[in-house]
Amino acid sequence: DGIPCVCFGEMSMRILRRIPLIAMSYQAVYPPAYNSTYVKATTNTFEMEPHKALDPSQPLSGDAYPYCWMSNVGNPTSQRFHVDLGSAKVIGKIVYCNYHNAGYNTIRGVNGFTLQGSNSSSSFTNLTYATDTGWTTIEKSPASMTRHTQAYDGALFYEITVTSPITPYRYYALKCANNHGDTSYMGIRRLTFYELTY
């Protein structure tokens, strides 16, 4: 059966090799500061800057304005959301609370998106949706973000898992293709990156 055996006459002793399972562990990581130097998006509504979606001091219930990121009016699709973590890190998962405004306007939340990593500062500063120069696509699961439950005014957290976390990147991008049906805006209430530490 493939298990090594040491024999002593008619007696035998099986030697079992126990290989410990390596459990993954994660640690939340944040940009060095919550401002437009470290967190950028293609567009944003006035006072709804992208860095607010990374800031854990911002509330997750009540009015969304001015506590999270929302694109500028007329930009419900094709938005880049870039984060500079200050140094290269292997990200294993992302935890998020999708957009809601006191439990409503939930169709503005991000739906389909591509996750990308880079170590190029020029790629980080280029917010043109179609430009992928310097970015590497990172496989993840699930493929899209869950819509916040309509009329629920509070935090609902969901998880995106990086399926093969290997390469450390300083810059991460969410290339947000569309929302859940709103024709004017796209947004995220909270976004937290977790470094793989095992």
C-alpha atoms as a PDB file:
ATOM      1  CA  ASP A   1       0.000   0.000   0.000  1.00  0.00           C
ATOM      2  CA  GLY A   2       3.018   2.275  -0.354  1.00  0.00           C
ATOM      3  CA  ILE A   3       3.698   2.638   3.420  1.00  0.00           C
ATOM      4  CA  PRO A   4       7.294   1.712   4.349  1.00  0.00           C
ATOM      5  CA  CYS A   5       7.555  -1.418   6.522  1.00  0.00           C
ATOM      6  CA  VAL A   6      10.350  -2.593   8.825  1.00  0.00           C
ATOM      7  CA  CYS A   7      10.111  -6.382   9.381  1.00  0.00           C
ATOM      8  CA  PHE A   8      11.306  -8.335  12.432  1.00  0.00           C
ATOM      9  CA  GLY A   9      10.763 -12.032  11.741  1.00  0.00           C
ATOM     10  CA  GLU A  10       7.046 -12.618  11.615  1.00  0.00           C
ATOM     11  CA  MET A  11       6.308  -9.258  13.187  1.00  0.00           C
ATOM     12  CA  SER A  12       6.190  -6.016  11.298  1.00  0.00           C
ATOM     13  CA  MET A  13       5.964  -2.406  12.288  1.00  0.00           C
ATOM     14  CA  ARG A  14       4.494   0.184  10.029  1.00  0.00           C
ATOM     15  CA  ILE A  15       6.197   3.572   9.987  1.00  0.00           C
ATOM     16  CA  LEU A  16       3.696   6.293   9.284  1.00  0.00           C
ATOM     17  CA  ARG A  17       4.924   9.644   8.100  1.00  0.00           C
ATOM     18  CA  ARG A  18       2.692  12.421   9.311  1.00  0.00           C
ATOM     19  CA  ILE A  19       2.873  15.494   7.123  1.00  0.00           C
ATOM     20  CA  PRO A  20       1.361  18.500   8.877  1.00  0.00           C
ATOM     21  CA  LEU A  21      -1.169  20.552   6.975  1.00  0.00           C
ATOM     22  CA  ILE A  22      -0.088  24.147   6.521  1.00  0.00           C
ATOM     23  CA  ALA A  23      -2.919  26.477   7.479  1.00  0.00           C
ATOM     24  CA  MET A  24      -3.097  29.802   5.740  1.00  0.00           C
ATOM     25  CA  SER A  25      -3.182  32.872   7.939  1.00  0.00           C
ATOM     26  CA  TYR A  26      -3.980  36.430   6.966  1.00  0.00           C
ATOM     27  CA  GLN A  27      -3.290  39.910   8.235  1.00  0.00           C
ATOM     28  CA  ALA A  28      -5.188  43.035   7.212  1.00  0.00           C
ATOM     29  CA  VAL A  29      -2.993  45.562   5.413  1.00  0.00           C
ATOM     30  CA  TYR A  30      -3.710  49.190   4.607  1.00  0.00           C
ATOM     31  CA  PRO A  31      -2.180  51.986   2.541  1.00  0.00           C
ATOM     32  CA  PRO A  32       0.338  54.200   4.372  1.00  0.00           C
ATOM     33  CA  ALA A  33      -2.253  57.015   4.464  1.00  0.00           C
ATOM     34  CA  TYR A  34      -5.872  57.508   3.453  1.00  0.00           C
ATOM     35  CA  ASN A  35      -5.524  60.067   0.697  1.00  0.00           C
ATOM     36  CA  SER A  36      -5.324  60.417  -3.079  1.00  0.00           C
ATOM     37  CA  THR A  37      -1.584  59.676  -3.066  1.00  0.00           C
ATOM     38  CA  TYR A  38      -2.190  56.055  -2.113  1.00  0.00           C
ATOM     39  CA  VAL A  39      -5.718  55.306  -3.316  1.00  0.00           C
ATOM     40  CA  LYS A  40      -7.048  56.380  -6.701  1.00  0.00           C
ATOM     41  CA  ALA A  41     -10.052  55.788  -8.936  1.00  0.00           C
ATOM     42  CA  THR A  42     -10.969  56.742 -12.469  1.00  0.00           C
ATOM     43  CA  THR A  43     -13.691  59.085 -11.177  1.00  0.00           C
ATOM     44  CA  ASN A  44     -15.402  59.956  -7.915  1.00  0.00           C
ATOM     45  CA  THR A  45     -18.273  62.051  -6.653  1.00  0.00           C
ATOM     46  CA  PHE A  46     -17.289  65.156  -4.662  1.00  0.00           C
ATOM     47  CA  GLU A  47     -16.186  64.144  -1.124  1.00  0.00           C
ATOM     48  CA  MET A  48     -16.651  60.439  -1.932  1.00  0.00           C
ATOM     49  CA  GLU A  49     -12.995  59.781  -2.653  1.00  0.00           C
ATOM     50  CA  PRO A  50     -11.754  56.206  -3.130  1.00  0.00           C
ATOM     51  CA  HIS A  51      -9.491  56.246  -0.050  1.00  0.00           C
ATOM     52  CA  LYS A  52     -12.570  56.412   2.184  1.00  0.00           C
ATOM     53  CA  ALA A  53     -13.493  52.858   1.186  1.00  0.00           C
ATOM     54  CA  LEU A  54     -10.170  51.670   2.693  1.00  0.00           C
ATOM     55  CA  ASP A  55     -10.465  53.676   5.921  1.00  0.00           C
ATOM     56  CA  PRO A  56     -11.751  51.477   8.802  1.00  0.00           C
ATOM     57  CA  SER A  57     -12.852  54.564  10.758  1.00  0.00           C
ATOM     58  CA  GLN A  58     -15.646  55.278   8.267  1.00  0.00           C
ATOM     59  CA  PRO A  59     -19.155  54.098   9.271  1.00  0.00           C
ATOM     60  CA  LEU A  60     -20.800  51.176   7.475  1.00  0.00           C
ATOM     61  CA  SER A  61     -24.402  52.120   8.221  1.00  0.00           C
ATOM     62  CA  GLY A  62     -26.426  55.218   7.515  1.00  0.00           C
ATOM     63  CA  ASP A  63     -25.847  57.625   4.644  1.00  0.00           C
ATOM     64  CA  ALA A  64     -23.069  56.702   2.230  1.00  0.00           C
ATOM     65  CA  TYR A  65     -22.168  60.362   1.679  1.00  0.00           C
ATOM     66  CA  PRO A  66     -19.340  61.209   2.382  1.00  0.00           C
ATOM     67  CA  TYR A  67     -18.056  57.957   3.890  1.00  0.00           C
ATOM     68  CA  CYS A  68     -17.096  55.721   0.966  1.00  0.00           C
ATOM     69  CA  TRP A  69     -16.170  55.668  -2.715  1.00  0.00           C
ATOM     70  CA  MET A  70     -18.705  56.392  -5.416  1.00  0.00           C
ATOM     71  CA  SER A  71     -17.939  57.203  -9.045  1.00  0.00           C
ATOM     72  CA  ASN A  72     -18.920  60.507 -10.558  1.00  0.00           C
ATOM     73  CA  VAL A  73     -22.424  60.798 -12.042  1.00  0.00           C
ATOM     74  CA  GLY A  74     -22.694  59.228 -15.481  1.00  0.00           C
ATOM     75  CA  ASN A  75     -19.940  56.680 -14.789  1.00  0.00           C
ATOM     76  CA  PRO A  76     -21.689  53.453 -13.722  1.00  0.00           C
ATOM     77  CA  THR A  77     -19.191  51.188 -15.546  1.00  0.00           C
ATOM     78  CA  SER A  78     -15.498  50.900 -16.497  1.00  0.00           C
ATOM     79  CA  GLN A  79     -13.864  52.296 -13.364  1.00  0.00           C
ATOM     80  CA  ARG A  80     -10.356  51.564 -12.122  1.00  0.00           C
ATOM     81  CA  PHE A  81      -9.733  51.482  -8.367  1.00  0.00           C
ATOM     82  CA  HIS A  82      -6.015  51.476  -7.447  1.00  0.00           C
ATOM     83  CA  VAL A  83      -4.379  50.919  -4.049  1.00  0.00           C
ATOM     84  CA  ASP A  84      -0.736  51.480  -3.066  1.00  0.00           C
ATOM     85  CA  LEU A  85       0.108  49.333  -0.018  1.00  0.00           C
ATOM     86  CA  GLY A  86       3.481  51.023   0.436  1.00  0.00           C
ATOM     87  CA  SER A  87       5.500  47.830  -0.100  1.00  0.00           C
ATOM     88  CA  ALA A  88       5.105  44.583  -2.014  1.00  0.00           C
ATOM     89  CA  LYS A  89       2.805  42.057  -0.342  1.00  0.00           C
ATOM     90  CA  VAL A  90       1.226  38.740  -1.315  1.00  0.00           C
ATOM     91  CA  ILE A  91      -2.506  39.302  -0.989  1.00  0.00           C
ATOM     92  CA  GLY A  92      -4.515  36.179  -0.187  1.00  0.00           C
ATOM     93  CA  LYS A  93      -8.003  37.622   0.055  1.00  0.00           C
ATOM     94  CA  ILE A  94     -10.114  40.759  -0.044  1.00  0.00           C
ATOM     95  CA  VAL A  95     -13.042  41.401   2.291  1.00  0.00           C
ATOM     96  CA  TYR A  96     -15.633  43.967   1.242  1.00  0.00           C
ATOM     97  CA  CYS A  97     -18.946  45.552   2.070  1.00  0.00           C
ATOM     98  CA  ASN A  98     -20.573  46.564  -1.183  1.00  0.00           C
ATOM     99  CA  TYR A  99     -22.203  49.923  -1.733  1.00  0.00           C
ATOM    100  CA  HIS A 100     -25.391  50.904   0.025  1.00  0.00           C
ATOM    101  CA  ASN A 101     -26.891  54.193   1.154  1.00  0.00           C
ATOM    102  CA  ALA A 102     -28.628  53.517   4.484  1.00  0.00           C
ATOM    103  CA  GLY A 103     -29.578  50.147   3.011  1.00  0.00           C
ATOM    104  CA  TYR A 104     -30.736  51.492  -0.363  1.00  0.00           C
ATOM    105  CA  ASN A 105     -29.283  52.247  -3.810  1.00  0.00           C
ATOM    106  CA  THR A 106     -27.632  48.820  -3.609  1.00  0.00           C
ATOM    107  CA  ILE A 107     -27.618  48.375  -7.402  1.00  0.00           C
ATOM    108  CA  ARG A 108     -24.736  50.887  -7.456  1.00  0.00           C
ATOM    109  CA  GLY A 109     -22.402  48.305  -5.886  1.00  0.00           C
ATOM    110  CA  VAL A 110     -19.598  46.790  -7.960  1.00  0.00           C
ATOM    111  CA  ASN A 111     -20.486  43.570  -9.766  1.00  0.00           C
ATOM    112  CA  GLY A 112     -17.999  42.212 -12.317  1.00  0.00           C
ATOM    113  CA  PHE A 113     -14.335  43.088 -11.863  1.00  0.00           C
ATOM    114  CA  THR A 114     -10.792  41.985 -12.627  1.00  0.00           C
ATOM    115  CA  LEU A 115      -8.130  41.912  -9.907  1.00  0.00           C
ATOM    116  CA  GLN A 116      -4.644  43.010 -10.966  1.00  0.00           C
ATOM    117  CA  GLY A 117      -1.230  43.466  -9.356  1.00  0.00           C
ATOM    118  CA  SER A 118       1.773  45.591 -10.317  1.00  0.00           C
ATOM    119  CA  ASN A 119       5.081  46.929  -9.063  1.00  0.00           C
ATOM    120  CA  SER A 120       5.100  49.832 -11.529  1.00  0.00           C
ATOM    121  CA  SER A 121       4.368  53.312 -10.155  1.00  0.00           C
ATOM    122  CA  SER A 122       3.460  54.568 -13.635  1.00  0.00           C
ATOM    123  CA  SER A 123       0.852  51.817 -13.981  1.00  0.00           C
ATOM    124  CA  PHE A 124      -0.565  52.816 -10.599  1.00  0.00           C
ATOM    125  CA  THR A 125      -1.042  56.441 -11.685  1.00  0.00           C
ATOM    126  CA  ASN A 126      -2.639  55.586 -15.049  1.00  0.00           C
ATOM    127  CA  LEU A 127      -6.388  55.324 -14.422  1.00  0.00           C
ATOM    128  CA  THR A 128      -7.490  54.711 -18.007  1.00  0.00           C
ATOM    129  CA  TYR A 129      -9.797  51.708 -17.814  1.00  0.00           C
ATOM    130  CA  ALA A 130      -8.613  50.010 -21.003  1.00  0.00           C
ATOM    131  CA  THR A 131      -4.882  50.382 -20.252  1.00  0.00           C
ATOM    132  CA  ASP A 132      -3.394  47.234 -18.697  1.00  0.00           C
ATOM    133  CA  THR A 133       0.287  48.082 -19.215  1.00  0.00           C
ATOM    134  CA  GLY A 134       2.365  46.863 -16.284  1.00  0.00           C
ATOM    135  CA  TRP A 135      -0.525  45.004 -14.656  1.00  0.00           C
ATOM    136  CA  THR A 136      -0.814  41.238 -14.118  1.00  0.00           C
ATOM    137  CA  THR A 137      -4.243  39.627 -13.770  1.00  0.00           C
ATOM    138  CA  ILE A 138      -4.671  37.727 -10.490  1.00  0.00           C
ATOM    139  CA  GLU A 139      -7.006  34.734 -10.415  1.00  0.00           C
ATOM    140  CA  LYS A 140      -9.743  34.961  -7.794  1.00  0.00           C
ATOM    141  CA  SER A 141     -12.965  33.374  -6.623  1.00  0.00           C
ATOM    142  CA  PRO A 142     -15.790  34.218  -6.933  1.00  0.00           C
ATOM    143  CA  ALA A 143     -15.609  36.179 -10.165  1.00  0.00           C
ATOM    144  CA  SER A 144     -17.880  39.028  -9.083  1.00  0.00           C
ATOM    145  CA  MET A 145     -19.038  40.970  -6.027  1.00  0.00           C
ATOM    146  CA  THR A 146     -22.289  40.269  -4.207  1.00  0.00           C
ATOM    147  CA  ARG A 147     -24.938  42.973  -4.131  1.00  0.00           C
ATOM    148  CA  HIS A 148     -25.689  44.363  -0.678  1.00  0.00           C
ATOM    149  CA  THR A 149     -29.076  43.251   0.659  1.00  0.00           C
ATOM    150  CA  GLN A 150     -31.660  45.886  -0.193  1.00  0.00           C
ATOM    151  CA  ALA A 151     -33.083  47.744   2.845  1.00  0.00           C
ATOM    152  CA  TYR A 152     -30.445  46.339   5.226  1.00  0.00           C
ATOM    153  CA  ASP A 153     -28.693  49.308   6.813  1.00  0.00           C
ATOM    154  CA  GLY A 154     -25.447  47.848   8.120  1.00  0.00           C
ATOM    155  CA  ALA A 155     -22.308  45.923   7.320  1.00  0.00           C
ATOM    156  CA  LEU A 156     -22.561  42.755   5.253  1.00  0.00           C
ATOM    157  CA  PHE A 157     -19.095  41.390   4.582  1.00  0.00           C
ATOM    158  CA  TYR A 158     -18.171  39.150   1.679  1.00  0.00           C
ATOM    159  CA  GLU A 159     -14.856  37.572   0.723  1.00  0.00           C
ATOM    160  CA  ILE A 160     -12.876  37.315  -2.497  1.00  0.00           C
ATOM    161  CA  THR A 161     -10.155  34.639  -2.350  1.00  0.00           C
ATOM    162  CA  VAL A 162      -6.981  34.791  -4.434  1.00  0.00           C
ATOM    163  CA  THR A 163      -6.766  31.251  -5.800  1.00  0.00           C
ATOM    164  CA  SER A 164      -2.974  31.094  -6.311  1.00  0.00           C
ATOM    165  CA  PRO A 165      -1.286  33.725  -4.124  1.00  0.00           C
ATOM    166  CA  ILE A 166       2.396  33.747  -5.072  1.00  0.00           C
ATOM    167  CA  THR A 167       3.738  37.067  -6.330  1.00  0.00           C
ATOM    168  CA  PRO A 168       4.115  40.082  -4.037  1.00  0.00           C
ATOM    169  CA  TYR A 169       2.842  43.354  -5.489  1.00  0.00           C
ATOM    170  CA  ARG A 170       2.927  46.857  -4.084  1.00  0.00           C
ATOM    171  CA  TYR A 171       0.033  48.080  -6.216  1.00  0.00           C
ATOM    172  CA  TYR A 172      -3.338  46.400  -6.590  1.00  0.00           C
ATOM    173  CA  ALA A 173      -6.153  47.300  -8.951  1.00  0.00           C
ATOM    174  CA  LEU A 174      -9.819  46.457  -9.127  1.00  0.00           C
ATOM    175  CA  LYS A 175     -10.811  46.921 -12.744  1.00  0.00           C
ATOM    176  CA  CYS A 176     -14.548  47.340 -12.157  1.00  0.00           C
ATOM    177  CA  ALA A 177     -16.511  46.487 -15.297  1.00  0.00           C
ATOM    178  CA  ASN A 178     -20.073  47.093 -14.136  1.00  0.00           C
ATOM    179  CA  ASN A 179     -22.457  47.484 -11.215  1.00  0.00           C
ATOM    180  CA  HIS A 180     -25.710  45.713 -10.312  1.00  0.00           C
ATOM    181  CA  GLY A 181     -27.903  47.786 -12.606  1.00  0.00           C
ATOM    182  CA  ASP A 182     -27.712  51.483 -11.688  1.00  0.00           C
ATOM    183  CA  THR A 183     -27.398  53.808 -14.688  1.00  0.00           C
ATOM    184  CA  SER A 184     -25.539  56.654 -12.967  1.00  0.00           C
ATOM    185  CA  TYR A 185     -23.070  55.510 -10.298  1.00  0.00           C
ATOM    186  CA  MET A 186     -20.787  52.734  -9.069  1.00  0.00           C
ATOM    187  CA  GLY A 187     -19.417  52.390  -5.530  1.00  0.00           C
ATOM    188  CA  ILE A 188     -17.914  50.353  -2.706  1.00  0.00           C
ATOM    189  CA  ARG A 189     -18.603  50.972   0.976  1.00  0.00           C
ATOM    190  CA  ARG A 190     -15.573  49.134   2.435  1.00  0.00           C
ATOM    191  CA  LEU A 191     -12.610  47.246   0.996  1.00  0.00           C
ATOM    192  CA  THR A 192      -9.876  45.508   3.032  1.00  0.00           C
ATOM    193  CA  PHE A 193      -6.856  43.663   1.659  1.00  0.00           C
ATOM    194  CA  TYR A 194      -5.392  40.716   3.580  1.00  0.00           C
ATOM    195  CA  GLU A 195      -1.766  39.688   3.254  1.00  0.00           C
ATOM    196  CA  LEU A 196      -0.955  35.991   3.263  1.00  0.00           C
ATOM    197  CA  THR A 197       1.381  35.437   6.225  1.00  0.00           C
ATOM    198  CA  TYR A 198       1.951  31.652   6.511  1.00  0.00           C
END
